[in-house]
C-alpha atoms as a PDB file:
ATOM      1  CA  UNK A   1       0.805  -5.635  -7.671  1.00  0.00           C
ATOM      2  CA  UNK A   2       2.770  -3.622 -10.261  1.00  0.00           C
ATOM      3  CA  UNK A   3       6.088  -2.098 -10.384  1.00  0.00           C
ATOM      4  CA  UNK A   4       8.262   0.459 -12.279  1.00  0.00           C
ATOM      5  CA  UNK A   5      12.009   0.504 -12.556  1.00  0.00           C
ATOM      6  CA  UNK A   6      14.206   3.580 -13.636  1.00  0.00           C
ATOM      7  CA  UNK A   7      17.710   2.747 -14.408  1.00  0.00           C
ATOM      8  CA  UNK A   8      20.705   5.072 -14.646  1.00  0.00           C
ATOM      9  CA  UNK A   9      18.960   8.133 -13.146  1.00  0.00           C
ATOM     10  CA  UNK A  10      21.491  10.944 -12.684  1.00  0.00           C
ATOM     11  CA  UNK A  11      20.990  11.329  -8.952  1.00  0.00           C
ATOM     12  CA  UNK A  12      23.176  10.185  -6.054  1.00  0.00           C
ATOM     13  CA  UNK A  13      21.748   6.936  -4.538  1.00  0.00           C
ATOM     14  CA  UNK A  14      22.525   8.359  -0.964  1.00  0.00           C
ATOM     15  CA  UNK A  15      20.328  11.338  -1.588  1.00  0.00           C
ATOM     16  CA  UNK A  16      17.596   9.405  -3.233  1.00  0.00           C
ATOM     17  CA  UNK A  17      17.340   6.906  -0.443  1.00  0.00           C
ATOM     18  CA  UNK A  18      16.508   9.684   1.978  1.00  0.00           C
ATOM     19  CA  UNK A  19      13.489  10.406  -0.143  1.00  0.00           C
ATOM     20  CA  UNK A  20      12.546   6.766  -0.763  1.00  0.00           C
ATOM     21  CA  UNK A  21      12.487   6.005   2.961  1.00  0.00           C
ATOM     22  CA  UNK A  22       9.904   8.841   3.435  1.00  0.00           C
ATOM     23  CA  UNK A  23       7.309   7.450   0.951  1.00  0.00           C
ATOM     24  CA  UNK A  24       7.713   3.719   1.663  1.00  0.00           C
ATOM     25  CA  UNK A  25       4.375   2.284   3.058  1.00  0.00           C
ATOM     26  CA  UNK A  26       2.383   5.473   2.222  1.00  0.00           C
ATOM     27  CA  UNK A  27      -0.675   5.602   0.078  1.00  0.00           C
ATOM     28  CA  UNK A  28       0.294   6.496  -3.460  1.00  0.00           C
ATOM     29  CA  UNK A  29      -1.931   9.571  -3.611  1.00  0.00           C
ATOM     30  CA  UNK A  30      -0.466  10.910  -0.335  1.00  0.00           C
ATOM     31  CA  UNK A  31       3.066  10.112  -1.495  1.00  0.00           C
ATOM     32  CA  UNK A  32       2.682  11.966  -4.725  1.00  0.00           C
ATOM     33  CA  UNK A  33       1.155  14.976  -2.923  1.00  0.00           C
ATOM     34  CA  UNK A  34       4.073  15.079  -0.296  1.00  0.00           C
ATOM     35  CA  UNK A  35       6.825  14.640  -2.980  1.00  0.00           C
ATOM     36  CA  UNK A  36       5.419  17.575  -4.973  1.00  0.00           C
ATOM     37  CA  UNK A  37       6.558  20.033  -2.197  1.00  0.00           C
ATOM     38  CA  UNK A  38       9.940  18.506  -1.395  1.00  0.00           C
ATOM     39  CA  UNK A  39      12.822  20.688  -2.747  1.00  0.00           C
ATOM     40  CA  UNK A  40      15.021  17.607  -3.756  1.00  0.00           C
ATOM     41  CA  UNK A  41      15.865  16.592  -7.256  1.00  0.00           C
ATOM     42  CA  UNK A  42      15.318  12.982  -6.263  1.00  0.00           C
ATOM     43  CA  UNK A  43      11.722  13.870  -5.142  1.00  0.00           C
ATOM     44  CA  UNK A  44      10.696  14.721  -8.681  1.00  0.00           C
ATOM     45  CA  UNK A  45      12.308  11.634 -10.104  1.00  0.00           C
ATOM     46  CA  UNK A  46      10.739   9.287  -7.508  1.00  0.00           C
ATOM     47  CA  UNK A  47       7.338  10.781  -7.991  1.00  0.00           C
ATOM     48  CA  UNK A  48       7.454  10.120 -11.717  1.00  0.00           C
ATOM     49  CA  UNK A  49       8.509   6.396 -11.026  1.00  0.00           C
ATOM     50  CA  UNK A  50       5.572   6.081  -8.488  1.00  0.00           C
ATOM     51  CA  UNK A  51       3.143   7.431 -11.087  1.00  0.00           C
ATOM     52  CA  UNK A  52       4.493   5.061 -13.654  1.00  0.00           C
ATOM     53  CA  UNK A  53       4.088   2.076 -11.280  1.00  0.00           C
ATOM     54  CA  UNK A  54       0.570   3.086 -10.630  1.00  0.00           C
ATOM     55  CA  UNK A  55      -0.236   3.433 -14.278  1.00  0.00           C
ATOM     56  CA  UNK A  56       1.428   0.057 -15.138  1.00  0.00           C
ATOM     57  CA  UNK A  57      -1.122  -1.783 -12.938  1.00  0.00           C
ATOM     58  CA  UNK A  58      -4.099   0.313 -14.364  1.00  0.00           C
ATOM     59  CA  UNK A  59      -4.825   1.468 -10.789  1.00  0.00           C
ATOM     60  CA  UNK A  60      -5.925   4.846  -9.394  1.00  0.00           C
ATOM     61  CA  UNK A  61      -3.397   6.482  -6.953  1.00  0.00           C
ATOM     62  CA  UNK A  62      -5.834   6.381  -3.996  1.00  0.00           C
ATOM     63  CA  UNK A  63      -6.342   2.726  -4.185  1.00  0.00           C
ATOM     64  CA  UNK A  64      -2.737   1.470  -3.917  1.00  0.00           C
ATOM     65  CA  UNK A  65       0.031   1.535  -1.270  1.00  0.00           C
ATOM     66  CA  UNK A  66       3.753   1.768  -1.992  1.00  0.00           C
ATOM     67  CA  UNK A  67       5.047  -1.595  -0.645  1.00  0.00           C
ATOM     68  CA  UNK A  68       8.677  -1.124  -1.630  1.00  0.00           C
ATOM     69  CA  UNK A  69      10.655   1.812  -2.900  1.00  0.00           C
ATOM     70  CA  UNK A  70      14.251   0.710  -3.358  1.00  0.00           C
ATOM     71  CA  UNK A  71      17.249   2.794  -4.611  1.00  0.00           C
ATOM     72  CA  UNK A  72      20.233   0.790  -5.800  1.00  0.00           C
ATOM     73  CA  UNK A  73      23.672   2.023  -6.855  1.00  0.00           C
ATOM     74  CA  UNK A  74      24.162   2.312 -10.600  1.00  0.00           C
ATOM     75  CA  UNK A  75      27.389   2.856 -12.544  1.00  0.00           C
ATOM     76  CA  UNK A  76      29.616   5.897 -11.872  1.00  0.00           C
ATOM     77  CA  UNK A  77      30.600   8.220 -14.613  1.00  0.00           C
ATOM     78  CA  UNK A  78      34.171   9.336 -14.142  1.00  0.00           C
ATOM     79  CA  UNK A  79      35.367  12.749 -15.334  1.00  0.00           C
ATOM     80  CA  UNK A  80      38.464  14.850 -14.895  1.00  0.00           C
ATOM     81  CA  UNK A  81      38.968  18.446 -13.865  1.00  0.00           C
ATOM     82  CA  UNK A  82      42.278  20.250 -14.572  1.00  0.00           C
ATOM     83  CA  UNK A  83      44.093  21.555 -11.483  1.00  0.00           C
ATOM     84  CA  UNK A  84      47.214  23.352 -10.642  1.00  0.00           C
ATOM     85  CA  UNK A  85      50.684  22.319 -12.017  1.00  0.00           C
ATOM     86  CA  UNK A  86      49.278  20.251 -14.851  1.00  0.00           C
ATOM     87  CA  UNK A  87      47.563  17.713 -12.586  1.00  0.00           C
ATOM     88  CA  UNK A  88      43.900  16.519 -12.626  1.00  0.00           C
ATOM     89  CA  UNK A  89      41.301  15.787 -10.118  1.00  0.00           C
ATOM     90  CA  UNK A  90      38.679  13.055 -10.541  1.00  0.00           C
ATOM     91  CA  UNK A  91      34.962  13.943 -10.505  1.00  0.00           C
ATOM     92  CA  UNK A  92      32.592  11.101  -9.788  1.00  0.00           C
ATOM     93  CA  UNK A  93      29.083  11.411 -11.188  1.00  0.00           C
ATOM     94  CA  UNK A  94      26.951   8.608  -9.603  1.00  0.00           C
ATOM     95  CA  UNK A  95      23.771   7.035 -11.039  1.00  0.00           C
ATOM     96  CA  UNK A  96      20.985   5.220  -9.376  1.00  0.00           C
ATOM     97  CA  UNK A  97      18.349   2.530 -10.158  1.00  0.00           C
ATOM     98  CA  UNK A  98      15.014   3.324  -8.627  1.00  0.00           C
ATOM     99  CA  UNK A  99      12.490   0.429  -8.162  1.00  0.00           C
ATOM    100  CA  UNK A 100       8.916   1.149  -6.912  1.00  0.00           C
ATOM    101  CA  UNK A 101       6.440  -1.641  -6.146  1.00  0.00           C
ATOM    102  CA  UNK A 102       2.785  -0.807  -5.502  1.00  0.00           C
ATOM    103  CA  UNK A 103       0.032  -3.147  -4.298  1.00  0.00           C
ATOM    104  CA  UNK A 104      -3.727  -2.757  -4.203  1.00  0.00           C
ATOM    105  CA  UNK A 105      -5.337  -2.046  -0.742  1.00  0.00           C
ATOM    106  CA  UNK A 106      -8.125  -4.502   0.233  1.00  0.00           C
ATOM    107  CA  UNK A 107     -10.725  -2.378   2.198  1.00  0.00           C
ATOM    108  CA  UNK A 108     -12.367  -5.514   3.687  1.00  0.00           C
ATOM    109  CA  UNK A 109     -13.510  -6.599   0.141  1.00  0.00           C
ATOM    110  CA  UNK A 110     -13.019 -10.163  -0.988  1.00  0.00           C
ATOM    111  CA  UNK A 111     -11.788 -10.406  -4.570  1.00  0.00           C
END
């Protein structure tokens, strides 16, 4: 088992969770291939975290399965935009913490 954690990624956790649910339980090689063709910003970020988790365990992508892909809420950057009559509107820029856990597949082999 190996894991990778990316903290304070500038992507909305709600949007990243949609991508994370798609790859959970998949083979890492298949997940990386499917994320390559997704148009979301979160797909590129999550594919890098999956590749990092695979490399952290010295595995090959075809021999591991993504057991957990979790997206947690990070801190929110608060910005202001000037509006009419001297007022201001708040702009919230959310961040996310992305955790990926991969585990080696046992193909009937005893370790």
